[in-house]
Structures are given as structure tokens and as C-alpha cells.
């Protein structure tokens, strides 16, 4: 390891290849003429780069919410092909002929190969340049993973807004004649808004929060009155919309009251203790809403907050649709 570290330092400090990037020993284990790429640490701190990753993670979690899949880190959660398989199946509305669970490296790469071939079949006819492969994805190359996800988001016109002109500095390490050589290249991940889908359509609640925040208390009072009219039947009362709906319990009970049915207690957590239990409750409430004939709520179960709570569409057995007209 000491020899490899010394070799890396020599390559970095060479006059023809000035660099301030630390190369880890594992990044110097290269065969002759082999190369490896890594993101410059300074680029990882770029706000636009961080925003891109956050937007993509939120989008994946929103698409896969019904699969109970939560992605937290792109490199660690997507490299084996499991999440990519579910994502593509959901986006393309097709089933891939792959094993559901693969533990071995060979099995993971075989699954990745099948998934990426399906991706390429979708993208190539539309002129997409393929900037990833099985080895780079399985090797947890974040640049390759980002190129893949950006291409999928744009191809399927995801209802998200990707930050424009996101570029990162990439350090390329090559081994030639037994010595390491490093170069820096700029890698463009996104371009202009011309290639992106429009922002999701804004609704009356967005207008309320942007232009009439002074009327917020009136809307909150109307909502609380509406909710308590039904929850009072169970001797429950809401005083704070921002906090009392976050764990999903009142949402589940409210749907049962509005639709006039009993929700079995084993289907949700009446006293949730963990974040996952709260997410389960909210997801279950959303399913009840859709079963009642409503469109899929815009809110994400993992991110219930005050604005999103207001946007939930409530339907009662008397055909009372609590939508945007409450602002009038």
C-alpha cells in the first residue's frame, strides 16, 4: 500500500500532470493502459451538483413509492441493478425477464446487462449517446449513474425540474509504462431548459402560498373545521394540520369516516414510533384515496409538510370533494 501511495503521489506531483486531488490506494490498482475516473472533491460541493442528485433521488423515490423502495445514495442503491430494474419497469410499463434477487457479482452484472439493454433499446432510436455500461454502473461510478438517470428522466419526460448546465471536474487516472498519469476533464451532466420538460402545472394552492399568505389562516381554519366534523365522531380533534397529519394516522381514520368503512387496525400503525411506520401510514392513506376514486396525491409520503398536506384531495361519502375551491 505504501508503494502504491508513493507511486500515486509521484504521478500527481509530476510537472506535466499537476494535481491537488488525493488518490486512494485502491484507485491505483490499475493494469497497464487501464484508466479510472473519479469526481474532483470540489465539484461534489457544487450546489447545482447537489441539487441534481437530490432531484433525481426524490424522483426515483416518487416513482417507486408503491414498491416500498427508498433510495438514499445513488452509488450504493443502484449499482446491483435491482432498483434500476424496478424503475425501468415502472416507467416503461413492462416486465423484464430477470431474477428478482441476485447476491453474486456475476448475477448482478447479468441483471444489469439485461436492464441496460432494455434501456438502450428505448434510447438509441431517439439519438441518445450512451455514456455508461455494465462495468461502470456496477463499479459505482457516479458520473455514469447520473448520465443514465438524466437520460431516463428526459426520455420519459419526468415531472421534475433538473438544474441547468451542471458540469463536474473529473480526474482521469491512467497507467502507462508502469506510471500513473492524471488529467482533468470537464463532464457536462445537464444542458439548457430547452431539453427539459416544463415544470409541473401549478395549482391554486401554489398561488395561495406565493401571493396570498395572509389568507393562509382562513384556509387552515376551514380545513380544521372540515376535518374535526368527522374526526370528532371518534373523539379526536385536530388543532395543528402541520404536525397532526404527518404520521398518517388521522389521514387513515379520516378516509374510513368519509367513505363509511372500518379500517382494520392491522393495516396501519395506530401509534407509529419510527419514520418507516409513519411513511407506511401515509402511503396506505394515499392508497385509500385512490381506491375512493381520487387521483394520486401530489404529496410524497416521505415528505409530508404543511403545503403538501393542504393539497390532499378529500372525498366524502356525500360526494364532497375538498379541492381547490376552498380558497375562493
Foldseek 3Di string as FASTA:
>chain_A
DVVLQVLVVCQCVPPVHDDDARDDSVLSPDDAFDKDKDFGPVLCPPPLNVVQVVQLQVLLCVLCVVVVDHDDDQLVPPLLPLSLQVSCCSLVVHHFPADNDDDDPVNSLVNVQRSVVVVCVQQVVVPDDQPAHNCCSNVSPVLNSLLSSVSSCLSSQPQTDRDAFRKTKMWMWHAHPNHIHIDIDIGTRHHDCVSHHDHPDDDLLVVCVVPPVVCVVVLVVVVQVVLCVQCVVVVDHDDDLFPPPLLLLSLQVSLCRQAVHDDDCVQAPNDDDDLSRSLSNNVVSQVSCVVVPDDRQPDHSSDDGDSSSQQDWDAGPVRDTPHNVSVD
